[in-house]
Amino acid sequence: MVRAAIDSAVFADAVTWAARYASGGRRQAGGGRRDASEAIPLRAAYAGLHIAAAGTRLVLRATDGDAAARAEVDAGVAGEGEVVLPAKLLADVATKLPKEIVILEVEGAGATLTCGGLALQLQSTNPADFPSASELPPTLGAVRAGDLREAVKRVVPGIGDEDQYPQWRSFGILAGPALRIVATDRARLPAADTPWQPTLDHQENVAFLAPRSLADIAATCPPTAR
């Protein structure tokens, strides 16, 4: 059995941050507009929040297939293990917990969450079905969250409708003297530059794509984050 103890406010922040990137909806097969009958259910694991406990840390992960979120927090942990719990349900519960210590106990395919006089029993999906964590590449540079938010806000109108133009649902990012962000739906091409600080030696004008969820990430990051 694994047992973790964590402050309810810290737990709620970590759960709600990660859970917003869990996908419990339905993804359409291929591009173009389709009837709902043609939609393909996402794997159950994608609607889950993966929680791993080891040492003095809890690591929470979620993904919608395009973006992956990770939150790591201090906790009092006894044992090591992992569990995948319903992300939306856990996020709803976490925001309503009293200001007490949360106790999360995992045994077999089940988990029990207690806080004050509240207790909740949850079934886990198989952690082996959850997408494995990708190793993060070296950090290319840093940008202030407030600057990124303003740049993305100016560019996001150019993101194409994902039903009509699924291939245009990304941001293009050019890392040069400034960080340039662009988007297009073939009719518009908004662009915005924002200052950034490179942290690795690299050739100028490194280009890459970022998913549509960058807009949500930029909007929810604390203004002082980088």
C-alpha atoms as a PDB file:
ATOM      1  CA  MET A   1       0.000   0.000   0.000  1.00  0.00           C
ATOM      2  CA  VAL A   2       1.087   3.550  -0.732  1.00  0.00           C
ATOM      3  CA  ARG A   3       0.122   6.420   1.560  1.00  0.00           C
ATOM      4  CA  ALA A   4       0.664  10.122   0.831  1.00  0.00           C
ATOM      5  CA  ALA A   5      -0.212  13.118   3.020  1.00  0.00           C
ATOM      6  CA  ILE A   6      -0.403  16.613   1.522  1.00  0.00           C
ATOM      7  CA  ASP A   7      -1.948  19.992   2.331  1.00  0.00           C
ATOM      8  CA  SER A   8      -5.375  20.287   0.702  1.00  0.00           C
ATOM      9  CA  ALA A   9      -4.623  23.658  -0.939  1.00  0.00           C
ATOM     10  CA  VAL A  10      -1.386  22.350  -2.480  1.00  0.00           C
ATOM     11  CA  PHE A  11      -3.188  19.212  -3.624  1.00  0.00           C
ATOM     12  CA  ALA A  12      -6.016  21.237  -5.200  1.00  0.00           C
ATOM     13  CA  ASP A  13      -3.600  23.497  -7.088  1.00  0.00           C
ATOM     14  CA  ALA A  14      -1.666  20.540  -8.508  1.00  0.00           C
ATOM     15  CA  VAL A  15      -4.769  18.530  -9.420  1.00  0.00           C
ATOM     16  CA  THR A  16      -6.631  21.376 -11.113  1.00  0.00           C
ATOM     17  CA  TRP A  17      -3.522  22.460 -13.049  1.00  0.00           C
ATOM     18  CA  ALA A  18      -2.875  18.992 -14.443  1.00  0.00           C
ATOM     19  CA  ALA A  19      -6.487  17.857 -14.850  1.00  0.00           C
ATOM     20  CA  ARG A  20      -7.401  20.615 -17.273  1.00  0.00           C
ATOM     21  CA  TYR A  21      -5.195  18.851 -19.835  1.00  0.00           C
ATOM     22  CA  ALA A  22      -6.863  15.471 -19.381  1.00  0.00           C
ATOM     23  CA  SER A  23      -9.259  14.722 -22.211  1.00  0.00           C
ATOM     24  CA  GLY A  24     -12.489  13.012 -21.348  1.00  0.00           C
ATOM     25  CA  GLY A  25     -14.228  14.022 -24.541  1.00  0.00           C
ATOM     26  CA  ARG A  26     -14.334  12.443 -27.962  1.00  0.00           C
ATOM     27  CA  ARG A  27     -11.839  12.947 -30.761  1.00  0.00           C
ATOM     28  CA  GLN A  28     -12.847  12.847 -34.401  1.00  0.00           C
ATOM     29  CA  ALA A  29     -11.123  10.448 -36.755  1.00  0.00           C
ATOM     30  CA  GLY A  30      -9.163  12.260 -39.440  1.00  0.00           C
ATOM     31  CA  GLY A  31      -9.723  15.811 -40.627  1.00  0.00           C
ATOM     32  CA  GLY A  32     -12.774  17.635 -41.831  1.00  0.00           C
ATOM     33  CA  ARG A  33     -16.244  18.020 -40.351  1.00  0.00           C
ATOM     34  CA  ARG A  34     -17.849  14.725 -39.375  1.00  0.00           C
ATOM     35  CA  ASP A  35     -21.077  13.509 -37.827  1.00  0.00           C
ATOM     36  CA  ALA A  36     -20.996  12.680 -34.132  1.00  0.00           C
ATOM     37  CA  SER A  37     -21.612   9.029 -35.046  1.00  0.00           C
ATOM     38  CA  GLU A  38     -18.178   8.935 -36.664  1.00  0.00           C
ATOM     39  CA  ALA A  39     -16.357  10.157 -33.554  1.00  0.00           C
ATOM     40  CA  ILE A  40     -13.876   7.789 -31.893  1.00  0.00           C
ATOM     41  CA  PRO A  41     -13.807   7.612 -28.076  1.00  0.00           C
ATOM     42  CA  LEU A  42     -10.483   8.489 -26.538  1.00  0.00           C
ATOM     43  CA  ARG A  43      -8.842   5.800 -24.449  1.00  0.00           C
ATOM     44  CA  ALA A  44     -10.099   5.815 -20.888  1.00  0.00           C
ATOM     45  CA  ALA A  45      -6.592   6.555 -19.646  1.00  0.00           C
ATOM     46  CA  TYR A  46      -6.660   9.929 -21.393  1.00  0.00           C
ATOM     47  CA  ALA A  47      -9.522  10.960 -19.115  1.00  0.00           C
ATOM     48  CA  GLY A  48      -7.394  10.092 -16.104  1.00  0.00           C
ATOM     49  CA  LEU A  49      -4.866  11.794 -13.888  1.00  0.00           C
ATOM     50  CA  HIS A  50      -1.710   9.740 -13.364  1.00  0.00           C
ATOM     51  CA  ILE A  51      -0.329  10.111  -9.831  1.00  0.00           C
ATOM     52  CA  ALA A  52       3.032   8.640  -8.864  1.00  0.00           C
ATOM     53  CA  ALA A  53       4.329   8.675  -5.297  1.00  0.00           C
ATOM     54  CA  ALA A  54       7.937   8.154  -4.300  1.00  0.00           C
ATOM     55  CA  GLY A  55      10.353   9.597  -1.759  1.00  0.00           C
ATOM     56  CA  THR A  56       8.921  12.929  -0.661  1.00  0.00           C
ATOM     57  CA  ARG A  57       7.109  13.833  -3.870  1.00  0.00           C
ATOM     58  CA  LEU A  58       3.854  13.367  -5.712  1.00  0.00           C
ATOM     59  CA  VAL A  59       4.042  13.703  -9.490  1.00  0.00           C
ATOM     60  CA  LEU A  60       0.766  14.294 -11.335  1.00  0.00           C
ATOM     61  CA  ARG A  61       0.470  13.959 -15.108  1.00  0.00           C
ATOM     62  CA  ALA A  62      -2.328  14.352 -17.638  1.00  0.00           C
ATOM     63  CA  THR A  63      -2.547  14.547 -21.426  1.00  0.00           C
ATOM     64  CA  ASP A  64      -5.104  15.166 -24.136  1.00  0.00           C
ATOM     65  CA  GLY A  65      -2.891  13.691 -26.843  1.00  0.00           C
ATOM     66  CA  ASP A  66      -1.639  17.094 -28.028  1.00  0.00           C
ATOM     67  CA  ALA A  67      -0.253  18.541 -24.807  1.00  0.00           C
ATOM     68  CA  ALA A  68       0.930  16.971 -21.565  1.00  0.00           C
ATOM     69  CA  ALA A  69       0.837  18.617 -18.137  1.00  0.00           C
ATOM     70  CA  ARG A  70       2.988  17.725 -15.140  1.00  0.00           C
ATOM     71  CA  ALA A  71       2.830  18.968 -11.544  1.00  0.00           C
ATOM     72  CA  GLU A  72       5.295  17.922  -8.843  1.00  0.00           C
ATOM     73  CA  VAL A  73       4.663  18.715  -5.165  1.00  0.00           C
ATOM     74  CA  ASP A  74       6.098  17.848  -1.763  1.00  0.00           C
ATOM     75  CA  ALA A  75       4.197  15.276   0.276  1.00  0.00           C
ATOM     76  CA  GLY A  76       4.681  12.896   3.142  1.00  0.00           C
ATOM     77  CA  VAL A  77       4.958   9.588   1.300  1.00  0.00           C
ATOM     78  CA  ALA A  78       5.173   6.055   2.632  1.00  0.00           C
ATOM     79  CA  GLY A  79       5.888   3.465  -0.054  1.00  0.00           C
ATOM     80  CA  GLU A  80       6.081   3.841  -3.823  1.00  0.00           C
ATOM     81  CA  GLY A  81       3.403   3.351  -6.421  1.00  0.00           C
ATOM     82  CA  GLU A  82       1.207   4.853  -9.099  1.00  0.00           C
ATOM     83  CA  VAL A  83      -2.484   5.193  -9.811  1.00  0.00           C
ATOM     84  CA  VAL A  84      -4.688   6.679 -12.561  1.00  0.00           C
ATOM     85  CA  LEU A  85      -7.831   8.355 -11.214  1.00  0.00           C
ATOM     86  CA  PRO A  86     -10.700  10.156 -12.985  1.00  0.00           C
ATOM     87  CA  ALA A  87      -9.299  13.619 -13.626  1.00  0.00           C
ATOM     88  CA  LYS A  88     -12.514  15.635 -13.789  1.00  0.00           C
ATOM     89  CA  LEU A  89     -13.981  14.038 -10.672  1.00  0.00           C
ATOM     90  CA  LEU A  90     -10.761  14.467  -8.724  1.00  0.00           C
ATOM     91  CA  ALA A  91     -10.480  18.128  -9.740  1.00  0.00           C
ATOM     92  CA  ASP A  92     -14.083  18.799  -8.676  1.00  0.00           C
ATOM     93  CA  VAL A  93     -13.479  17.147  -5.307  1.00  0.00           C
ATOM     94  CA  ALA A  94     -10.077  18.802  -4.725  1.00  0.00           C
ATOM     95  CA  THR A  95     -11.484  22.330  -4.966  1.00  0.00           C
ATOM     96  CA  LYS A  96     -14.119  21.592  -2.307  1.00  0.00           C
ATOM     97  CA  LEU A  97     -11.922  19.964   0.338  1.00  0.00           C
ATOM     98  CA  PRO A  98     -11.681  21.509   3.832  1.00  0.00           C
ATOM     99  CA  LYS A  99      -8.432  23.138   4.917  1.00  0.00           C
ATOM    100  CA  GLU A 100      -7.018  19.922   6.306  1.00  0.00           C
ATOM    101  CA  ILE A 101      -4.390  17.375   5.347  1.00  0.00           C
ATOM    102  CA  VAL A 102      -5.349  15.146   2.421  1.00  0.00           C
ATOM    103  CA  ILE A 103      -4.518  11.465   2.828  1.00  0.00           C
ATOM    104  CA  LEU A 104      -4.327   9.466  -0.399  1.00  0.00           C
ATOM    105  CA  GLU A 105      -3.984   5.716   0.029  1.00  0.00           C
ATOM    106  CA  VAL A 106      -3.506   3.376  -2.934  1.00  0.00           C
ATOM    107  CA  GLU A 107      -3.864  -0.359  -2.731  1.00  0.00           C
ATOM    108  CA  GLY A 108      -4.327  -2.640  -5.719  1.00  0.00           C
ATOM    109  CA  ALA A 109      -6.738  -1.152  -8.263  1.00  0.00           C
ATOM    110  CA  GLY A 110      -8.354   1.231  -5.805  1.00  0.00           C
ATOM    111  CA  ALA A 111      -7.608   4.439  -3.960  1.00  0.00           C
ATOM    112  CA  THR A 112      -9.091   6.171  -0.929  1.00  0.00           C
ATOM    113  CA  LEU A 113      -8.923   9.922  -0.405  1.00  0.00           C
ATOM    114  CA  THR A 114      -9.697  11.304   3.030  1.00  0.00           C
ATOM    115  CA  CYS A 115      -9.637  14.887   4.291  1.00  0.00           C
ATOM    116  CA  GLY A 116     -11.094  15.875   7.634  1.00  0.00           C
ATOM    117  CA  GLY A 117     -14.353  13.992   7.935  1.00  0.00           C
ATOM    118  CA  LEU A 118     -14.637  13.348   4.185  1.00  0.00           C
ATOM    119  CA  ALA A 119     -13.758  10.077   2.501  1.00  0.00           C
ATOM    120  CA  LEU A 120     -13.892   9.111  -1.188  1.00  0.00           C
ATOM    121  CA  GLN A 121     -13.179   5.735  -2.741  1.00  0.00           C
ATOM    122  CA  LEU A 122     -12.026   5.670  -6.357  1.00  0.00           C
ATOM    123  CA  GLN A 123     -11.235   2.975  -8.888  1.00  0.00           C
ATOM    124  CA  SER A 124      -8.005   3.217 -10.839  1.00  0.00           C
ATOM    125  CA  THR A 125      -7.567   2.445 -14.506  1.00  0.00           C
ATOM    126  CA  ASN A 126      -4.484   0.445 -15.361  1.00  0.00           C
ATOM    127  CA  PRO A 127      -1.403   2.723 -15.051  1.00  0.00           C
ATOM    128  CA  ALA A 128       0.262   0.648 -17.784  1.00  0.00           C
ATOM    129  CA  ASP A 129      -2.318   2.034 -20.248  1.00  0.00           C
ATOM    130  CA  PHE A 130      -1.422   5.632 -19.459  1.00  0.00           C
ATOM    131  CA  PRO A 131       0.922   7.246 -22.036  1.00  0.00           C
ATOM    132  CA  SER A 132       4.513   7.045 -20.855  1.00  0.00           C
ATOM    133  CA  ALA A 133       6.192  10.283 -19.877  1.00  0.00           C
ATOM    134  CA  SER A 134       8.439  11.738 -22.551  1.00  0.00           C
ATOM    135  CA  GLU A 135      11.862  12.917 -21.540  1.00  0.00           C
ATOM    136  CA  LEU A 136      11.878  16.690 -21.683  1.00  0.00           C
ATOM    137  CA  PRO A 137      14.402  18.260 -24.054  1.00  0.00           C
ATOM    138  CA  PRO A 138      16.901  20.826 -22.763  1.00  0.00           C
ATOM    139  CA  THR A 139      15.367  24.238 -22.120  1.00  0.00           C
ATOM    140  CA  LEU A 140      15.896  26.477 -25.134  1.00  0.00           C
ATOM    141  CA  GLY A 141      15.101  29.705 -23.316  1.00  0.00           C
ATOM    142  CA  ALA A 142      12.790  31.546 -20.937  1.00  0.00           C
ATOM    143  CA  VAL A 143       9.994  34.048 -21.520  1.00  0.00           C
ATOM    144  CA  ARG A 144       7.927  35.874 -18.933  1.00  0.00           C
ATOM    145  CA  ALA A 145       4.420  34.470 -18.639  1.00  0.00           C
ATOM    146  CA  GLY A 146       2.833  37.919 -18.945  1.00  0.00           C
ATOM    147  CA  ASP A 147       4.735  38.658 -22.171  1.00  0.00           C
ATOM    148  CA  LEU A 148       3.837  35.255 -23.598  1.00  0.00           C
ATOM    149  CA  ARG A 149       0.183  35.716 -22.661  1.00  0.00           C
ATOM    150  CA  GLU A 150      -0.046  39.036 -24.492  1.00  0.00           C
ATOM    151  CA  ALA A 151       1.708  37.702 -27.592  1.00  0.00           C
ATOM    152  CA  VAL A 152      -0.477  34.604 -27.791  1.00  0.00           C
ATOM    153  CA  LYS A 153      -3.618  36.679 -27.231  1.00  0.00           C
ATOM    154  CA  ARG A 154      -2.743  38.784 -30.296  1.00  0.00           C
ATOM    155  CA  VAL A 155      -2.065  35.748 -32.462  1.00  0.00           C
ATOM    156  CA  VAL A 156      -4.777  33.274 -31.415  1.00  0.00           C
ATOM    157  CA  PRO A 157      -7.445  34.745 -33.794  1.00  0.00           C
ATOM    158  CA  GLY A 158      -5.380  33.277 -36.633  1.00  0.00           C
ATOM    159  CA  ILE A 159      -5.784  29.693 -35.384  1.00  0.00           C
ATOM    160  CA  GLY A 160      -7.949  27.833 -37.881  1.00  0.00           C
ATOM    161  CA  ASP A 161     -11.233  26.152 -37.008  1.00  0.00           C
ATOM    162  CA  GLU A 162     -10.191  22.638 -36.032  1.00  0.00           C
ATOM    163  CA  ASP A 163     -13.253  21.094 -37.726  1.00  0.00           C
ATOM    164  CA  GLN A 164     -12.669  22.792 -41.062  1.00  0.00           C
ATOM    165  CA  TYR A 165      -8.882  23.180 -40.965  1.00  0.00           C
ATOM    166  CA  PRO A 166      -7.393  20.630 -38.538  1.00  0.00           C
ATOM    167  CA  GLN A 167      -3.953  21.077 -40.115  1.00  0.00           C
ATOM    168  CA  TRP A 168      -3.915  24.770 -39.081  1.00  0.00           C
ATOM    169  CA  ARG A 169      -4.550  24.305 -35.360  1.00  0.00           C
ATOM    170  CA  SER A 170      -0.982  25.039 -34.207  1.00  0.00           C
ATOM    171  CA  PHE A 171       1.123  28.063 -33.374  1.00  0.00           C
ATOM    172  CA  GLY A 172       4.345  28.534 -35.266  1.00  0.00           C
ATOM    173  CA  ILE A 173       7.211  29.759 -33.089  1.00  0.00           C
ATOM    174  CA  LEU A 174      10.456  31.224 -34.397  1.00  0.00           C
ATOM    175  CA  ALA A 175      13.210  31.545 -31.780  1.00  0.00           C
ATOM    176  CA  GLY A 176      15.520  34.290 -32.983  1.00  0.00           C
ATOM    177  CA  PRO A 177      16.586  37.612 -31.448  1.00  0.00           C
ATOM    178  CA  ALA A 178      12.963  37.790 -30.246  1.00  0.00           C
ATOM    179  CA  LEU A 179      10.417  35.032 -29.849  1.00  0.00           C
ATOM    180  CA  ARG A 180       8.040  35.352 -32.791  1.00  0.00           C
ATOM    181  CA  ILE A 181       4.654  33.614 -32.600  1.00  0.00           C
ATOM    182  CA  VAL A 182       2.456  33.214 -35.681  1.00  0.00           C
ATOM    183  CA  ALA A 183      -0.743  31.416 -36.656  1.00  0.00           C
ATOM    184  CA  THR A 184      -2.767  31.155 -39.834  1.00  0.00           C
ATOM    185  CA  ASP A 185      -6.082  29.830 -41.073  1.00  0.00           C
ATOM    186  CA  ARG A 186      -4.971  30.623 -44.667  1.00  0.00           C
ATOM    187  CA  ALA A 187      -6.969  33.865 -44.616  1.00  0.00           C
ATOM    188  CA  ARG A 188      -5.037  35.620 -41.829  1.00  0.00           C
ATOM    189  CA  LEU A 189      -1.440  35.574 -40.643  1.00  0.00           C
ATOM    190  CA  PRO A 190      -1.168  37.419 -37.309  1.00  0.00           C
ATOM    191  CA  ALA A 191       2.265  37.559 -35.694  1.00  0.00           C
ATOM    192  CA  ALA A 192       3.652  38.907 -32.440  1.00  0.00           C
ATOM    193  CA  ASP A 193       7.186  39.294 -31.093  1.00  0.00           C
ATOM    194  CA  THR A 194       8.045  39.017 -27.421  1.00  0.00           C
ATOM    195  CA  PRO A 195      11.393  39.296 -25.621  1.00  0.00           C
ATOM    196  CA  TRP A 196      12.967  36.108 -24.327  1.00  0.00           C
ATOM    197  CA  GLN A 197      16.232  34.905 -22.828  1.00  0.00           C
ATOM    198  CA  PRO A 198      17.997  32.004 -24.573  1.00  0.00           C
ATOM    199  CA  THR A 199      19.551  29.510 -22.188  1.00  0.00           C
ATOM    200  CA  LEU A 200      21.249  27.263 -24.743  1.00  0.00           C
ATOM    201  CA  ASP A 201      23.637  27.985 -27.572  1.00  0.00           C
ATOM    202  CA  HIS A 202      21.643  27.466 -30.743  1.00  0.00           C
ATOM    203  CA  GLN A 203      21.526  28.540 -34.326  1.00  0.00           C
ATOM    204  CA  GLU A 204      19.383  31.603 -34.801  1.00  0.00           C
ATOM    205  CA  ASN A 205      15.842  31.228 -36.060  1.00  0.00           C
ATOM    206  CA  VAL A 206      15.009  27.814 -34.638  1.00  0.00           C
ATOM    207  CA  ALA A 207      11.432  27.056 -35.749  1.00  0.00           C
ATOM    208  CA  PHE A 208       8.932  24.671 -34.195  1.00  0.00           C
ATOM    209  CA  LEU A 209       5.181  24.177 -33.757  1.00  0.00           C
ATOM    210  CA  ALA A 210       3.234  24.454 -30.501  1.00  0.00           C
ATOM    211  CA  PRO A 211      -0.271  22.989 -30.048  1.00  0.00           C
ATOM    212  CA  ARG A 212      -3.446  25.071 -29.817  1.00  0.00           C
ATOM    213  CA  SER A 213      -3.429  24.451 -26.058  1.00  0.00           C
ATOM    214  CA  LEU A 214      -0.557  26.963 -25.757  1.00  0.00           C
ATOM    215  CA  ALA A 215      -3.288  29.604 -25.507  1.00  0.00           C
ATOM    216  CA  ASP A 216      -4.768  27.914 -22.424  1.00  0.00           C
ATOM    217  CA  ILE A 217      -1.333  27.397 -20.858  1.00  0.00           C
ATOM    218  CA  ALA A 218      -0.364  31.046 -21.378  1.00  0.00           C
ATOM    219  CA  ALA A 219      -3.689  32.227 -19.955  1.00  0.00           C
ATOM    220  CA  THR A 220      -3.414  30.192 -16.742  1.00  0.00           C
ATOM    221  CA  CYS A 221       0.260  30.641 -15.844  1.00  0.00           C
ATOM    222  CA  PRO A 222       0.980  33.032 -12.952  1.00  0.00           C
ATOM    223  CA  PRO A 223       2.191  36.410 -14.329  1.00  0.00           C
ATOM    224  CA  THR A 224       5.632  35.989 -12.713  1.00  0.00           C
ATOM    225  CA  ALA A 225       6.241  32.478 -14.113  1.00  0.00           C
ATOM    226  CA  ARG A 226       8.813  31.815 -16.816  1.00  0.00           C
END
